[in-house]
Amino acid sequence: MAHTTLPGFRDFYPEQLAERAHVMRAWREVARRYAFMEYDGPPLEPLDLYTAKSGDEIVGQLYNFVDKGGREVALRPEMTPTLARMVGARANSLRKPTRWFSTPQLFRYERQQKGRLREHYQLNMDIVGESGVAADAELVACAIDICRELNLTSNEVVVRVSDRRVMHAYLAALGIAPDSFEAVLGVADKLARQPRAISAEKLAAAGLNVDQVERVLDIPHATIDTVEFAISAASGVGIEHVQELRNFFDYVAQLVPGGEAWLQFDLSIVRGLAYYTGIVFELFDRSGEFRAICGGGRYDNLLDAIGGTSLPALGFGMGDVVLTELLRARNLLPSMAQTVDYWLTADDDIPVLRVMSEAASLRAKGFSVEYALRRQSVSKQRKAAITAGARNIVHLTNSTATDSSV
């Protein structure tokens, strides 16, 4: 009986693995330039590490089971809880700010759809121990530079930026009651994906009047000037966070050549998770063809809640699935054809030990080398060399070796 992969899982044939390696090389190279250190953790963690962060409702999205020791465990669906646990264990000895990154394989039992599988690899980058907005700018600049490393431009990718504190201040300036904020954020998070009439209905049900409903529905089009004016005209509470956001935009523009072209102020970006406390952001392709490429933000209280360590923190996750789909759609994936530096062919009377000696000599110099592992005619050897994509063919005879480029 033929076997297939489980739904939402992937086989990585050499071509697909080469594509994944191409993306990961860009991740690691940019992380190196930004002075991040790589870490990793176990793919299997105690179940309560995730329920402590996201509540018991997350269990339905996990691959969880009771192990042979009677422990409730789960395959990791994300990396932040592991980061919190590890930082918490060595919080006093770590240099601050801590810059860490990882590229784990993550697992979620979710409905399979375009851009979302039940497993994927994800770049996680986090800065721990710095509360200033310069850290937020550094993190977003890093995400942009990864796109640039992969030859994506600001014409193809946009970074949509918001701030939870500014959003709350703006909602208060509109006269919306604080106990309605979470309901409003839930609607704002879906404005781009939900019919306007349904969003309006949900906002009205949250207690908003007609004018407030219209203002919230127009949040994706609100400029930072409009928001600042509204907050100033009301109580002025939270206006300092608007200035921090302006500083953030200036910092990113300084860190990345042409950085301002990548950024878009958009208060409808709320990330859908209650633990975010400040600036949040998502990267999208400008055509709107794909899901978010990357998302993250500041979560200053999360490490305390999970790891018992009171340190400010921020981070993002960038998955390989959507990013690779986008690169393929824009013809930005390099040729993944196999290439061999040298293929050694030999006459029938050449001992195999001599062929092996030549191969070993070239390999010792760092070249990739292949040769026929059993006797074949020279024509078959040459055909195999061409099929393998050999850059050079070296033909061994009793007198000499002839090198020919393919």
Protein backbone atom coordinates (compact mmCIF):
# COMPACT_ATOMS: atom_id res chain seq x y z
CA MET A 1 0.00 0.00 0.00
CA ALA A 2 1.33 3.40 -0.98
CA HIS A 3 1.74 5.84 1.87
CA THR A 4 1.35 9.62 1.68
CA THR A 5 2.14 12.49 4.01
CA LEU A 6 -0.36 13.52 6.65
CA PRO A 7 -2.67 16.45 5.74
CA GLY A 8 -0.89 19.77 6.18
CA PHE A 9 2.60 18.23 6.25
CA ARG A 10 5.28 18.38 3.57
CA ASP A 11 7.97 16.24 2.01
CA PHE A 12 11.11 18.18 1.18
CA TYR A 13 12.67 16.73 -1.94
CA PRO A 14 16.13 18.14 -2.71
CA GLU A 15 14.65 21.02 -4.77
CA GLN A 16 12.22 22.03 -2.01
CA LEU A 17 14.88 21.66 0.66
CA ALA A 18 17.18 23.89 -1.39
CA GLU A 19 14.42 26.54 -1.47
CA ARG A 20 13.99 26.29 2.29
CA ALA A 21 17.75 26.53 2.76
CA HIS A 22 17.82 29.64 0.56
CA VAL A 23 15.25 31.36 2.79
CA MET A 24 16.99 30.24 5.97
CA ARG A 25 20.35 31.51 4.72
CA ALA A 26 18.79 34.95 4.35
CA TRP A 27 17.28 34.69 7.84
CA ARG A 28 20.60 33.76 9.41
CA GLU A 29 22.66 36.27 7.44
CA VAL A 30 20.50 39.24 8.40
CA ALA A 31 20.25 38.01 12.00
CA ARG A 32 24.06 37.92 12.09
CA ARG A 33 24.31 41.47 10.78
CA TYR A 34 21.94 42.64 13.51
CA ALA A 35 23.97 40.82 16.18
CA PHE A 36 21.31 38.24 17.12
CA MET A 37 22.41 34.94 18.66
CA GLU A 38 20.77 31.68 17.61
CA TYR A 39 19.09 29.40 20.17
CA ASP A 40 16.73 26.45 20.12
CA GLY A 41 14.58 24.43 22.47
CA PRO A 42 12.83 21.06 22.53
CA PRO A 43 10.04 20.39 20.01
CA LEU A 44 8.04 18.78 22.83
CA GLU A 45 7.02 20.89 25.84
CA PRO A 46 4.66 20.56 28.83
CA LEU A 47 1.13 21.39 27.74
CA ASP A 48 0.68 23.97 30.49
CA LEU A 49 3.47 26.08 29.01
CA TYR A 50 1.03 26.96 26.21
CA THR A 51 -2.21 27.06 28.20
CA ALA A 52 -0.56 29.51 30.63
CA LYS A 53 -0.08 31.90 27.71
CA SER A 54 -3.18 31.32 25.60
CA GLY A 55 -5.72 29.61 27.85
CA ASP A 56 -7.24 26.14 27.63
CA GLU A 57 -8.93 26.97 24.31
CA ILE A 58 -5.59 26.60 22.51
CA VAL A 59 -5.57 22.85 23.22
CA GLY A 60 -7.89 22.26 20.25
CA GLN A 61 -5.18 23.66 17.98
CA LEU A 62 -2.33 21.54 19.35
CA TYR A 63 -0.81 18.14 18.76
CA ASN A 64 -1.01 17.12 22.40
CA PHE A 65 -1.00 13.80 24.21
CA VAL A 66 -0.05 12.10 27.47
CA ASP A 67 3.47 10.67 27.23
CA LYS A 68 4.64 7.35 28.69
CA GLY A 69 5.56 9.09 31.92
CA GLY A 70 1.98 10.30 32.38
CA ARG A 71 2.84 13.92 31.50
CA GLU A 72 0.58 16.13 29.38
CA VAL A 73 2.76 17.39 26.55
CA ALA A 74 2.41 19.12 23.17
CA LEU A 75 4.45 19.64 20.03
CA ARG A 76 5.44 23.29 20.05
CA PRO A 77 2.98 25.52 18.16
CA GLU A 78 5.10 28.65 18.70
CA MET A 79 8.45 29.64 20.18
CA THR A 80 7.66 32.53 22.52
CA PRO A 81 6.72 30.35 25.55
CA THR A 82 9.98 28.41 25.19
CA LEU A 83 11.87 31.71 24.95
CA ALA A 84 10.13 32.96 28.11
CA ARG A 85 11.04 29.77 29.98
CA MET A 86 14.67 29.87 28.88
CA VAL A 87 15.13 33.58 29.59
CA GLY A 88 13.44 33.15 32.96
CA ALA A 89 15.91 30.41 33.90
CA ARG A 90 18.95 32.67 33.31
CA ALA A 91 17.48 36.16 33.55
CA ASN A 92 20.07 37.45 35.99
CA SER A 93 23.10 36.33 33.99
CA LEU A 94 21.99 37.27 30.47
CA ARG A 95 23.43 40.41 28.90
CA LYS A 96 20.71 42.97 28.28
CA PRO A 97 19.28 43.64 25.86
CA THR A 98 19.23 40.00 24.84
CA ARG A 99 19.01 39.49 21.06
CA TRP A 100 18.02 35.93 20.21
CA PHE A 101 16.67 34.22 17.11
CA SER A 102 15.57 30.70 16.25
CA THR A 103 14.27 28.81 13.21
CA PRO A 104 12.08 26.06 14.73
CA GLN A 105 9.64 23.73 13.04
CA LEU A 106 6.22 24.44 14.57
CA PHE A 107 3.05 22.36 14.64
CA ARG A 108 -0.62 23.36 14.85
CA TYR A 109 -3.68 21.21 14.31
CA GLU A 110 -5.58 23.71 12.19
CA ARG A 111 -7.64 23.66 9.02
CA GLN A 112 -5.26 23.53 6.09
CA GLN A 113 -5.57 26.51 3.71
CA LYS A 114 -3.47 28.62 1.38
CA GLY A 115 -0.39 29.83 3.21
CA ARG A 116 -1.22 27.89 6.38
CA LEU A 117 -0.20 24.29 6.97
CA ARG A 118 -0.10 22.10 10.07
CA GLU A 119 3.67 22.41 10.22
CA HIS A 120 6.03 25.12 9.11
CA TYR A 121 9.43 26.56 9.81
CA GLN A 122 9.50 30.02 11.32
CA LEU A 123 12.10 32.65 12.02
CA ASN A 124 11.59 34.03 15.52
CA MET A 125 13.51 37.17 16.49
CA ASP A 126 13.19 38.68 19.95
CA ILE A 127 14.79 41.48 21.93
CA VAL A 128 14.51 41.17 25.72
CA GLY A 129 15.37 43.80 28.29
CA GLU A 130 14.85 47.05 26.37
CA SER A 131 11.74 49.23 26.69
CA GLY A 132 12.76 52.05 24.32
CA VAL A 133 11.22 52.45 20.89
CA ALA A 134 14.66 52.12 19.27
CA ALA A 135 14.37 48.37 19.90
CA ASP A 136 11.04 48.27 18.03
CA ALA A 137 12.66 50.07 15.10
CA GLU A 138 15.63 47.69 15.14
CA LEU A 139 13.33 44.69 14.96
CA VAL A 140 11.23 46.04 12.07
CA ALA A 141 14.37 47.13 10.21
CA CYS A 142 15.60 43.56 10.52
CA ALA A 143 12.37 42.19 9.01
CA ILE A 144 12.65 44.66 6.13
CA ASP A 145 16.29 43.77 5.52
CA ILE A 146 15.36 40.09 5.30
CA CYS A 147 12.97 40.99 2.49
CA ARG A 148 15.71 43.03 0.82
CA GLU A 149 18.15 40.14 1.20
CA LEU A 150 15.66 38.02 -0.75
CA ASN A 151 15.38 40.73 -3.44
CA LEU A 152 11.91 41.86 -2.43
CA THR A 153 11.34 45.63 -2.59
CA SER A 154 8.99 48.19 -1.07
CA ASN A 155 6.97 47.95 -4.28
CA GLU A 156 6.14 44.37 -3.35
CA VAL A 157 6.00 44.39 0.46
CA VAL A 158 4.49 46.83 2.96
CA VAL A 159 4.96 46.96 6.74
CA ARG A 160 1.67 47.97 8.34
CA VAL A 161 2.32 49.46 11.78
CA SER A 162 0.09 50.26 14.73
CA ASP A 163 0.38 50.73 18.49
CA ARG A 164 -1.99 49.22 21.04
CA ARG A 165 -1.59 52.25 23.32
CA VAL A 166 -2.32 54.72 20.50
CA MET A 167 -5.32 52.65 19.47
CA HIS A 168 -6.72 52.76 23.01
CA ALA A 169 -6.10 56.51 23.21
CA TYR A 170 -7.86 57.03 19.88
CA LEU A 171 -10.87 54.93 20.90
CA ALA A 172 -11.09 56.93 24.14
CA ALA A 173 -10.91 60.16 22.12
CA LEU A 174 -13.89 58.92 20.11
CA GLY A 175 -15.82 58.55 23.36
CA ILE A 176 -15.86 54.76 23.30
CA ALA A 177 -16.08 53.16 26.73
CA PRO A 178 -12.98 51.18 27.86
CA ASP A 179 -15.04 48.06 28.50
CA SER A 180 -15.83 48.01 24.75
CA PHE A 181 -12.18 48.24 23.65
CA GLU A 182 -11.54 44.51 23.28
CA ALA A 183 -14.70 44.03 21.22
CA VAL A 184 -13.69 46.94 18.99
CA LEU A 185 -10.17 45.56 18.58
CA GLY A 186 -11.63 42.23 17.55
CA VAL A 187 -13.64 43.91 14.81
CA ALA A 188 -10.74 46.15 13.73
CA ASP A 189 -8.54 43.08 13.31
CA LYS A 190 -10.97 41.74 10.68
CA LEU A 191 -11.89 44.94 8.82
CA ALA A 192 -9.95 43.90 5.73
CA ARG A 193 -11.50 40.41 5.67
CA GLN A 194 -15.06 41.04 6.85
CA PRO A 195 -17.94 42.78 5.03
CA ARG A 196 -18.42 46.35 6.23
CA ALA A 197 -22.06 45.71 7.18
CA ILE A 198 -21.12 42.81 9.48
CA SER A 199 -18.38 44.89 11.14
CA ALA A 200 -20.86 47.73 11.67
CA GLU A 201 -23.36 45.34 13.22
CA LYS A 202 -20.78 43.98 15.65
CA LEU A 203 -19.64 47.47 16.64
CA ALA A 204 -23.21 48.55 17.30
CA ALA A 205 -23.68 45.46 19.45
CA ALA A 206 -20.61 46.55 21.44
CA GLY A 207 -22.41 49.77 22.35
CA LEU A 208 -21.00 52.21 19.78
CA ASN A 209 -23.22 54.93 18.35
CA VAL A 210 -23.55 55.61 14.61
CA ASP A 211 -20.75 58.17 14.46
CA GLN A 212 -18.38 55.98 16.47
CA VAL A 213 -19.14 53.02 14.22
CA GLU A 214 -18.25 55.01 11.12
CA ARG A 215 -15.03 56.32 12.66
CA VAL A 216 -13.92 52.80 13.60
CA LEU A 217 -14.79 51.45 10.15
CA ASP A 218 -12.56 54.15 8.65
CA ILE A 219 -9.62 53.34 10.94
CA PRO A 220 -7.57 51.68 8.13
CA HIS A 221 -7.57 55.04 6.33
CA ALA A 222 -6.82 57.23 9.36
CA THR A 223 -3.47 59.03 9.20
CA ILE A 224 -1.20 59.54 12.16
CA ASP A 225 -1.99 63.28 11.93
CA THR A 226 -5.73 62.58 12.13
CA VAL A 227 -5.26 60.32 15.14
CA GLU A 228 -2.95 62.79 16.89
CA PHE A 229 -5.43 65.64 16.36
CA ALA A 230 -8.32 63.58 17.75
CA ILE A 231 -6.35 62.59 20.87
CA SER A 232 -5.12 66.15 21.42
CA ALA A 233 -8.61 67.56 21.00
CA ALA A 234 -9.94 65.16 23.63
CA SER A 235 -8.09 64.63 26.92
CA GLY A 236 -4.62 64.39 25.38
CA VAL A 237 -4.07 61.15 27.30
CA GLY A 238 -1.74 58.91 25.30
CA ILE A 239 -0.34 61.63 23.07
CA GLU A 240 3.20 60.67 24.13
CA HIS A 241 2.71 57.30 22.47
CA VAL A 242 1.91 59.03 19.17
CA GLN A 243 5.25 60.81 19.42
CA GLU A 244 6.99 57.52 20.16
CA LEU A 245 5.39 56.11 17.03
CA ARG A 246 6.64 59.07 15.01
CA ASN A 247 10.12 58.43 16.42
CA PHE A 248 9.79 54.80 15.42
CA PHE A 249 9.10 55.76 11.80
CA ASP A 250 12.11 58.10 11.81
CA TYR A 251 14.37 55.42 13.28
CA VAL A 252 13.38 52.78 10.71
CA ALA A 253 13.97 55.29 7.91
CA GLN A 254 17.48 55.82 9.30
CA LEU A 255 18.24 52.12 9.74
CA VAL A 256 17.07 51.01 6.28
CA PRO A 257 17.84 52.89 3.06
CA GLY A 258 14.47 54.12 1.82
CA GLY A 259 12.86 52.61 4.92
CA GLU A 260 9.97 55.09 4.92
CA ALA A 261 8.72 53.59 1.64
CA TRP A 262 8.15 50.25 3.37
CA LEU A 263 6.05 51.64 6.24
CA GLN A 264 2.33 52.32 6.48
CA PHE A 265 0.52 53.60 9.56
CA ASP A 266 -2.57 51.43 10.07
CA LEU A 267 -4.38 51.27 13.41
CA SER A 268 -6.41 48.27 12.24
CA ILE A 269 -3.32 46.10 12.84
CA VAL A 270 -3.98 44.75 16.33
CA ARG A 271 -2.50 41.24 15.91
CA GLY A 272 -5.53 39.65 17.57
CA LEU A 273 -3.64 38.72 20.73
CA ALA A 274 -4.28 40.45 24.05
CA TYR A 275 -0.72 40.20 25.33
CA TYR A 276 0.67 42.88 22.99
CA THR A 277 1.34 46.11 24.86
CA GLY A 278 2.80 48.60 22.36
CA ILE A 279 3.86 48.82 18.74
CA VAL A 280 2.61 45.95 16.58
CA PHE A 281 3.25 45.29 12.89
CA GLU A 282 2.58 42.92 10.01
CA LEU A 283 4.27 42.53 6.63
CA PHE A 284 2.06 41.94 3.58
CA ASP A 285 2.57 41.71 -0.15
CA ARG A 286 1.12 44.88 -1.64
CA SER A 287 -1.03 42.96 -4.11
CA GLY A 288 -2.97 41.38 -1.24
CA GLU A 289 -2.56 37.95 -2.80
CA PHE A 290 -1.10 36.22 0.26
CA ARG A 291 -1.53 35.99 4.00
CA ALA A 292 0.74 38.01 6.29
CA ILE A 293 4.42 37.31 5.65
CA CYS A 294 5.48 38.30 9.15
CA GLY A 295 3.93 39.69 12.32
CA GLY A 296 4.96 40.75 15.77
CA GLY A 297 5.21 43.50 18.30
CA ARG A 298 5.95 44.44 21.88
CA TYR A 299 4.79 42.17 24.70
CA ASP A 300 6.24 43.70 27.86
CA ASN A 301 4.20 41.63 30.33
CA LEU A 302 4.35 38.20 28.74
CA LEU A 303 7.69 36.99 30.12
CA ASP A 304 6.48 37.73 33.63
CA ALA A 305 3.24 35.83 33.03
CA ILE A 306 4.97 32.74 31.58
CA GLY A 307 8.53 32.70 32.89
CA GLY A 308 8.19 34.75 36.06
CA THR A 309 10.68 37.29 34.75
CA SER A 310 9.69 40.95 34.67
CA LEU A 311 11.51 42.17 31.56
CA PRO A 312 10.27 44.20 28.59
CA ALA A 313 10.33 42.22 25.35
CA LEU A 314 9.33 42.31 21.71
CA GLY A 315 9.61 39.98 18.78
CA PHE A 316 8.25 38.70 15.50
CA GLY A 317 7.64 35.47 13.63
CA MET A 318 8.22 35.01 9.88
CA GLY A 319 7.09 31.69 8.43
CA ASP A 320 8.61 29.90 5.47
CA VAL A 321 5.35 28.95 3.74
CA VAL A 322 3.96 32.35 2.70
CA LEU A 323 7.42 33.81 2.15
CA THR A 324 8.40 31.00 -0.23
CA GLU A 325 5.07 31.27 -2.08
CA LEU A 326 5.64 34.99 -2.56
CA LEU A 327 9.21 34.51 -3.77
CA ARG A 328 8.03 31.86 -6.24
CA ALA A 329 5.23 34.09 -7.52
CA ARG A 330 7.71 36.93 -8.09
CA ASN A 331 10.29 34.62 -9.74
CA LEU A 332 12.77 35.40 -7.00
CA LEU A 333 13.78 31.85 -6.11
CA PRO A 334 17.18 30.99 -7.60
CA SER A 335 17.61 27.96 -9.80
CA MET A 336 17.68 24.91 -7.56
CA ALA A 337 19.18 22.57 -10.19
CA GLN A 338 21.81 20.23 -8.82
CA THR A 339 25.35 21.10 -9.84
CA VAL A 340 28.59 19.17 -9.42
CA ASP A 341 31.97 20.88 -9.68
CA TYR A 342 33.75 17.90 -11.27
CA TRP A 343 32.64 14.62 -12.78
CA LEU A 344 35.43 12.10 -13.31
CA THR A 345 35.15 9.84 -16.33
CA ALA A 346 37.70 7.12 -17.06
CA ASP A 347 38.74 4.66 -19.74
CA ASP A 348 37.95 1.00 -19.13
CA ASP A 349 41.55 0.18 -18.22
CA ILE A 350 41.78 2.84 -15.47
CA PRO A 351 41.70 1.21 -11.99
CA VAL A 352 38.86 2.41 -9.77
CA LEU A 353 41.42 3.17 -7.07
CA ARG A 354 42.95 5.85 -9.27
CA VAL A 355 39.52 7.42 -9.91
CA MET A 356 38.87 7.43 -6.16
CA SER A 357 42.28 8.99 -5.50
CA GLU A 358 41.55 11.80 -7.96
CA ALA A 359 38.11 12.33 -6.38
CA ALA A 360 39.62 12.46 -2.88
CA SER A 361 42.24 14.99 -4.01
CA LEU A 362 39.63 17.33 -5.50
CA ARG A 363 37.27 16.93 -2.53
CA ALA A 364 40.10 17.82 -0.17
CA LYS A 365 40.30 21.15 -2.01
CA GLY A 366 36.61 21.80 -1.35
CA PHE A 367 35.12 20.77 -4.69
CA SER A 368 32.07 18.55 -5.16
CA VAL A 369 32.99 15.44 -7.15
CA GLU A 370 31.09 12.52 -8.59
CA TYR A 371 32.07 9.51 -10.68
CA ALA A 372 30.53 6.25 -11.84
CA LEU A 373 30.41 3.77 -8.98
CA ARG A 374 30.55 0.82 -11.40
CA ARG A 375 32.18 0.30 -14.77
CA GLN A 376 30.37 2.02 -17.65
CA SER A 377 31.22 3.04 -21.14
CA VAL A 378 32.75 6.49 -21.51
CA SER A 379 29.65 7.70 -23.38
CA LYS A 380 27.40 6.64 -20.50
CA GLN A 381 29.72 8.28 -17.98
CA ARG A 382 29.67 11.52 -19.96
CA LYS A 383 25.87 11.40 -20.28
CA ALA A 384 25.58 10.91 -16.50
CA ALA A 385 27.91 13.88 -15.94
CA ILE A 386 25.76 16.13 -18.11
CA THR A 387 22.58 14.93 -16.40
CA ALA A 388 24.14 15.74 -13.02
CA GLY A 389 24.85 19.31 -14.14
CA ALA A 390 28.61 18.93 -13.82
CA ARG A 391 30.50 22.16 -14.42
CA ASN A 392 33.62 20.29 -15.50
CA ILE A 393 34.30 16.80 -16.80
CA VAL A 394 37.74 15.32 -16.14
CA HIS A 395 38.54 12.30 -18.28
CA LEU A 396 41.22 10.00 -16.88
CA THR A 397 43.48 8.03 -19.22
CA ASN A 398 46.71 6.11 -18.70
CA SER A 399 48.73 9.12 -19.80
CA THR A 400 46.91 12.14 -18.40
CA ALA A 401 43.65 13.70 -17.25
CA THR A 402 41.73 15.88 -19.67
CA ASP A 403 39.58 18.68 -18.17
CA SER A 404 36.67 20.01 -20.20
CA SER A 405 34.05 22.52 -19.13
CA VAL A 406 30.43 21.58 -19.74
